[in-house]
PDB file of N, CA and C in Angstrom:
ATOM      1  N   MET A   1      23.445  -6.022 -29.635  1.00  0.00           N
ATOM      2  CA  MET A   1      24.613  -6.101 -30.456  1.00  0.00           C
ATOM      3  C   MET A   1      24.303  -7.007 -31.647  1.00  0.00           C
ATOM      4  N   LYS A   2      24.865  -6.662 -32.806  1.00  0.00           N
ATOM      5  CA  LYS A   2      24.732  -7.499 -33.992  1.00  0.00           C
ATOM      6  C   LYS A   2      26.009  -8.314 -34.136  1.00  0.00           C
ATOM      7  N   VAL A   3      25.849  -9.613 -34.340  1.00  0.00           N
ATOM      8  CA  VAL A   3      26.988 -10.532 -34.405  1.00  0.00           C
ATOM      9  C   VAL A   3      27.019 -11.192 -35.769  1.00  0.00           C
ATOM     10  N   TYR A   4      28.199 -11.225 -36.376  1.00  0.00           N
ATOM     11  CA  TYR A   4      28.402 -11.914 -37.647  1.00  0.00           C
ATOM     12  C   TYR A   4      29.217 -13.176 -37.374  1.00  0.00           C
ATOM     13  N   PHE A   5      28.665 -14.329 -37.722  1.00  0.00           N
ATOM     14  CA  PHE A   5      29.361 -15.597 -37.530  1.00  0.00           C
ATOM     15  C   PHE A   5      29.606 -16.223 -38.890  1.00  0.00           C
ATOM     16  N   CYS A   6      30.795 -16.746 -39.100  1.00  0.00           N
ATOM     17  CA  CYS A   6      31.061 -17.425 -40.376  1.00  0.00           C
ATOM     18  C   CYS A   6      31.591 -18.821 -40.115  1.00  0.00           C
ATOM     19  N   GLY A   7      31.288 -19.704 -41.031  1.00  0.00           N
ATOM     20  CA  GLY A   7      31.750 -21.083 -40.977  1.00  0.00           C
ATOM     21  C   GLY A   7      31.626 -21.683 -42.360  1.00  0.00           C
ATOM     22  N   SER A   8      32.162 -22.845 -42.545  1.00  0.00           N
ATOM     23  CA  SER A   8      32.168 -23.481 -43.856  1.00  0.00           C
ATOM     24  C   SER A   8      30.760 -23.888 -44.273  1.00  0.00           C
ATOM     25  N   ILE A   9      30.357 -23.454 -45.451  1.00  0.00           N
ATOM     26  CA  ILE A   9      29.099 -23.913 -46.037  1.00  0.00           C
ATOM     27  C   ILE A   9      29.420 -24.813 -47.216  1.00  0.00           C
ATOM     28  N   ARG A  10      30.240 -24.329 -48.087  1.00  0.00           N
ATOM     29  CA  ARG A  10      30.555 -25.074 -49.302  1.00  0.00           C
ATOM     30  C   ARG A  10      31.631 -26.130 -49.068  1.00  0.00           C
ATOM     31  N   GLY A  11      32.541 -25.884 -48.167  1.00  0.00           N
ATOM     32  CA  GLY A  11      33.677 -26.775 -47.953  1.00  0.00           C
ATOM     33  C   GLY A  11      33.350 -28.041 -47.175  1.00  0.00           C
ATOM     34  N   GLY A  12      32.134 -28.183 -46.743  1.00  0.00           N
ATOM     35  CA  GLY A  12      31.754 -29.372 -45.974  1.00  0.00           C
ATOM     36  C   GLY A  12      30.939 -28.966 -44.763  1.00  0.00           C
ATOM     37  N   ARG A  13      30.094 -29.846 -44.332  1.00  0.00           N
ATOM     38  CA  ARG A  13      29.180 -29.538 -43.236  1.00  0.00           C
ATOM     39  C   ARG A  13      29.434 -30.427 -42.032  1.00  0.00           C
ATOM     40  N   ASP A  14      30.645 -30.969 -41.941  1.00  0.00           N
ATOM     41  CA  ASP A  14      30.955 -31.885 -40.843  1.00  0.00           C
ATOM     42  C   ASP A  14      30.887 -31.225 -39.473  1.00  0.00           C
ATOM     43  N   ASP A  15      31.110 -29.920 -39.408  1.00  0.00           N
ATOM     44  CA  ASP A  15      31.141 -29.215 -38.127  1.00  0.00           C
ATOM     45  C   ASP A  15      29.868 -28.423 -37.827  1.00  0.00           C
ATOM     46  N   VAL A  16      28.799 -28.689 -38.572  1.00  0.00           N
ATOM     47  CA  VAL A  16      27.575 -27.904 -38.404  1.00  0.00           C
ATOM     48  C   VAL A  16      27.041 -27.988 -36.975  1.00  0.00           C
ATOM     49  N   HIS A  17      27.214 -29.128 -36.318  1.00  0.00           N
ATOM     50  CA  HIS A  17      26.736 -29.250 -34.931  1.00  0.00           C
ATOM     51  C   HIS A  17      27.534 -28.331 -33.999  1.00  0.00           C
ATOM     52  N   VAL A  18      28.805 -28.121 -34.291  1.00  0.00           N
ATOM     53  CA  VAL A  18      29.628 -27.189 -33.507  1.00  0.00           C
ATOM     54  C   VAL A  18      29.178 -25.749 -33.775  1.00  0.00           C
ATOM     55  N   TYR A  19      28.931 -25.431 -35.045  1.00  0.00           N
ATOM     56  CA  TYR A  19      28.452 -24.086 -35.403  1.00  0.00           C
ATOM     57  C   TYR A  19      27.160 -23.769 -34.654  1.00  0.00           C
ATOM     58  N   ARG A  20      26.257 -24.763 -34.597  1.00  0.00           N
ATOM     59  CA  ARG A  20      24.959 -24.576 -33.922  1.00  0.00           C
ATOM     60  C   ARG A  20      25.168 -24.192 -32.458  1.00  0.00           C
ATOM     61  N   ARG A  21      26.098 -24.863 -31.801  1.00  0.00           N
ATOM     62  CA  ARG A  21      26.372 -24.573 -30.381  1.00  0.00           C
ATOM     63  C   ARG A  21      26.974 -23.178 -30.222  1.00  0.00           C
ATOM     64  N   ILE A  22      27.877 -22.816 -31.126  1.00  0.00           N
ATOM     65  CA  ILE A  22      28.504 -21.492 -31.061  1.00  0.00           C
ATOM     66  C   ILE A  22      27.460 -20.402 -31.273  1.00  0.00           C
ATOM     67  N   VAL A  23      26.605 -20.577 -32.278  1.00  0.00           N
ATOM     68  CA  VAL A  23      25.558 -19.586 -32.550  1.00  0.00           C
ATOM     69  C   VAL A  23      24.627 -19.461 -31.358  1.00  0.00           C
ATOM     70  N   HIS A  24      24.300 -20.571 -30.733  1.00  0.00           N
ATOM     71  CA  HIS A  24      23.419 -20.542 -29.561  1.00  0.00           C
ATOM     72  C   HIS A  24      24.019 -19.666 -28.454  1.00  0.00           C
ATOM     73  N   VAL A  25      25.309 -19.797 -28.209  1.00  0.00           N
ATOM     74  CA  VAL A  25      25.977 -18.971 -27.193  1.00  0.00           C
ATOM     75  C   VAL A  25      26.027 -17.516 -27.637  1.00  0.00           C
ATOM     76  N   LEU A  26      26.348 -17.277 -28.904  1.00  0.00           N
ATOM     77  CA  LEU A  26      26.425 -15.897 -29.411  1.00  0.00           C
ATOM     78  C   LEU A  26      25.088 -15.170 -29.316  1.00  0.00           C
ATOM     79  N   GLN A  27      23.989 -15.913 -29.447  1.00  0.00           N
ATOM     80  CA  GLN A  27      22.661 -15.299 -29.364  1.00  0.00           C
ATOM     81  C   GLN A  27      22.395 -14.690 -27.992  1.00  0.00           C
ATOM     82  N   SER A  28      23.106 -15.125 -26.982  1.00  0.00           N
ATOM     83  CA  SER A  28      22.935 -14.520 -25.662  1.00  0.00           C
ATOM     84  C   SER A  28      23.574 -13.123 -25.592  1.00  0.00           C
ATOM     85  N   TYR A  29      24.418 -12.811 -26.571  1.00  0.00           N
ATOM     86  CA  TYR A  29      25.067 -11.499 -26.628  1.00  0.00           C
ATOM     87  C   TYR A  29      24.367 -10.529 -27.574  1.00  0.00           C
ATOM     88  N   GLY A  30      23.545 -11.049 -28.469  1.00  0.00           N
ATOM     89  CA  GLY A  30      22.852 -10.173 -29.412  1.00  0.00           C
ATOM     90  C   GLY A  30      22.253 -10.969 -30.560  1.00  0.00           C
ATOM     91  N   THR A  31      21.954 -10.276 -31.646  1.00  0.00           N
ATOM     92  CA  THR A  31      21.349 -10.874 -32.823  1.00  0.00           C
ATOM     93  C   THR A  31      22.433 -11.430 -33.733  1.00  0.00           C
ATOM     94  N   VAL A  32      22.354 -12.727 -34.038  1.00  0.00           N
ATOM     95  CA  VAL A  32      23.306 -13.353 -34.951  1.00  0.00           C
ATOM     96  C   VAL A  32      22.748 -13.189 -36.364  1.00  0.00           C
ATOM     97  N   LEU A  33      23.414 -12.353 -37.154  1.00  0.00           N
ATOM     98  CA  LEU A  33      22.932 -12.027 -38.490  1.00  0.00           C
ATOM     99  C   LEU A  33      23.088 -13.177 -39.476  1.00  0.00           C
ATOM    100  N   THR A  34      23.984 -14.090 -39.177  1.00  0.00           N
ATOM    101  CA  THR A  34      24.291 -15.180 -40.104  1.00  0.00           C
ATOM    102  C   THR A  34      23.977 -16.542 -39.480  1.00  0.00           C
ATOM    103  N   GLU A  35      22.857 -16.625 -38.837  1.00  0.00           N
ATOM    104  CA  GLU A  35      22.451 -17.863 -38.161  1.00  0.00           C
ATOM    105  C   GLU A  35      22.305 -19.026 -39.140  1.00  0.00           C
ATOM    106  N   HIS A  36      22.025 -18.726 -40.400  1.00  0.00           N
ATOM    107  CA  HIS A  36      21.842 -19.771 -41.414  1.00  0.00           C
ATOM    108  C   HIS A  36      23.077 -20.657 -41.584  1.00  0.00           C
ATOM    109  N   VAL A  37      24.256 -20.153 -41.212  1.00  0.00           N
ATOM    110  CA  VAL A  37      25.482 -20.941 -41.322  1.00  0.00           C
ATOM    111  C   VAL A  37      25.407 -22.190 -40.439  1.00  0.00           C
ATOM    112  N   SER A  38      24.663 -22.099 -39.362  1.00  0.00           N
ATOM    113  CA  SER A  38      24.556 -23.233 -38.441  1.00  0.00           C
ATOM    114  C   SER A  38      23.339 -24.110 -38.727  1.00  0.00           C
ATOM    115  N   SER A  39      22.670 -23.855 -39.813  1.00  0.00           N
ATOM    116  CA  SER A  39      21.480 -24.625 -40.158  1.00  0.00           C
ATOM    117  C   SER A  39      21.850 -26.033 -40.599  1.00  0.00           C
ATOM    118  N   THR A  40      21.075 -27.010 -40.175  1.00  0.00           N
ATOM    119  CA  THR A  40      21.310 -28.391 -40.591  1.00  0.00           C
ATOM    120  C   THR A  40      20.625 -28.696 -41.913  1.00  0.00           C
ATOM    121  N   PHE A  41      19.820 -27.764 -42.404  1.00  0.00           N
ATOM    122  CA  PHE A  41      19.152 -27.936 -43.683  1.00  0.00           C
ATOM    123  C   PHE A  41      20.084 -27.503 -44.802  1.00  0.00           C
ATOM    124  N   LYS A  42      19.985 -28.185 -45.933  1.00  0.00           N
ATOM    125  CA  LYS A  42      20.769 -27.768 -47.089  1.00  0.00           C
ATOM    126  C   LYS A  42      20.185 -26.466 -47.606  1.00  0.00           C
ATOM    127  N   ILE A  43      21.079 -25.536 -47.905  1.00  0.00           N
ATOM    128  CA  ILE A  43      20.613 -24.260 -48.421  1.00  0.00           C
ATOM    129  C   ILE A  43      21.257 -24.001 -49.766  1.00  0.00           C
ATOM    130  N   ARG A  44      20.570 -23.246 -50.576  1.00  0.00           N
ATOM    131  CA  ARG A  44      21.128 -22.819 -51.843  1.00  0.00           C
ATOM    132  C   ARG A  44      21.507 -21.360 -51.700  1.00  0.00           C
ATOM    133  N   VAL A  45      22.697 -21.063 -52.152  1.00  0.00           N
ATOM    134  CA  VAL A  45      23.169 -19.693 -52.083  1.00  0.00           C
ATOM    135  C   VAL A  45      23.238 -19.153 -53.500  1.00  0.00           C
ATOM    136  N   CYS A  46      22.538 -18.064 -53.740  1.00  0.00           N
ATOM    137  CA  CYS A  46      22.582 -17.412 -55.039  1.00  0.00           C
ATOM    138  C   CYS A  46      23.549 -16.248 -54.946  1.00  0.00           C
ATOM    139  N   VAL A  47      24.445 -16.185 -55.883  1.00  0.00           N
ATOM    140  CA  VAL A  47      25.448 -15.126 -55.877  1.00  0.00           C
ATOM    141  C   VAL A  47      25.028 -14.063 -56.868  1.00  0.00           C
ATOM    142  N   PHE A  48      24.993 -12.852 -56.401  1.00  0.00           N
ATOM    143  CA  PHE A  48      24.677 -11.713 -57.245  1.00  0.00           C
ATOM    144  C   PHE A  48      25.964 -10.939 -57.481  1.00  0.00           C
ATOM    145  N   VAL A  49      26.314 -10.749 -58.719  1.00  0.00           N
ATOM    146  CA  VAL A  49      27.499  -9.982 -59.065  1.00  0.00           C
ATOM    147  C   VAL A  49      27.037  -8.598 -59.473  1.00  0.00           C
ATOM    148  N   CYS A  50      27.478  -7.621 -58.719  1.00  0.00           N
ATOM    149  CA  CYS A  50      27.094  -6.235 -58.984  1.00  0.00           C
ATOM    150  C   CYS A  50      27.791  -5.742 -60.249  1.00  0.00           C
ATOM    151  N   PRO A  51      27.018  -5.288 -61.241  1.00  0.00           N
ATOM    152  CA  PRO A  51      27.628  -4.816 -62.492  1.00  0.00           C
ATOM    153  C   PRO A  51      28.512  -3.570 -62.288  1.00  0.00           C
ATOM    154  N   LEU A  52      28.297  -2.859 -61.205  1.00  0.00           N
ATOM    155  CA  LEU A  52      29.102  -1.671 -60.955  1.00  0.00           C
ATOM    156  C   LEU A  52      30.471  -2.035 -60.382  1.00  0.00           C
ATOM    157  N   CYS A  53      30.555  -3.230 -59.774  1.00  0.00           N
ATOM    158  CA  CYS A  53      31.809  -3.665 -59.147  1.00  0.00           C
ATOM    159  C   CYS A  53      32.687  -4.450 -60.094  1.00  0.00           C
ATOM    160  N   HIS A  54      32.098  -5.060 -61.118  1.00  0.00           N
ATOM    161  CA  HIS A  54      32.866  -5.940 -62.020  1.00  0.00           C
ATOM    162  C   HIS A  54      32.712  -5.523 -63.450  1.00  0.00           C
TER     163      HIS A  54
END
């Protein structure tokens, strides 16, 4: 099963340790596609705006 997990990245990282635990449990059910949300490392997110959509 593919699992999508979401959590705050930009709004603060105070709960990252909770996200990590949740992702760990979800991994027992399948592949977590958004595991990076639980990363303790700072990440840069590049936003691509599709010219066909805007």
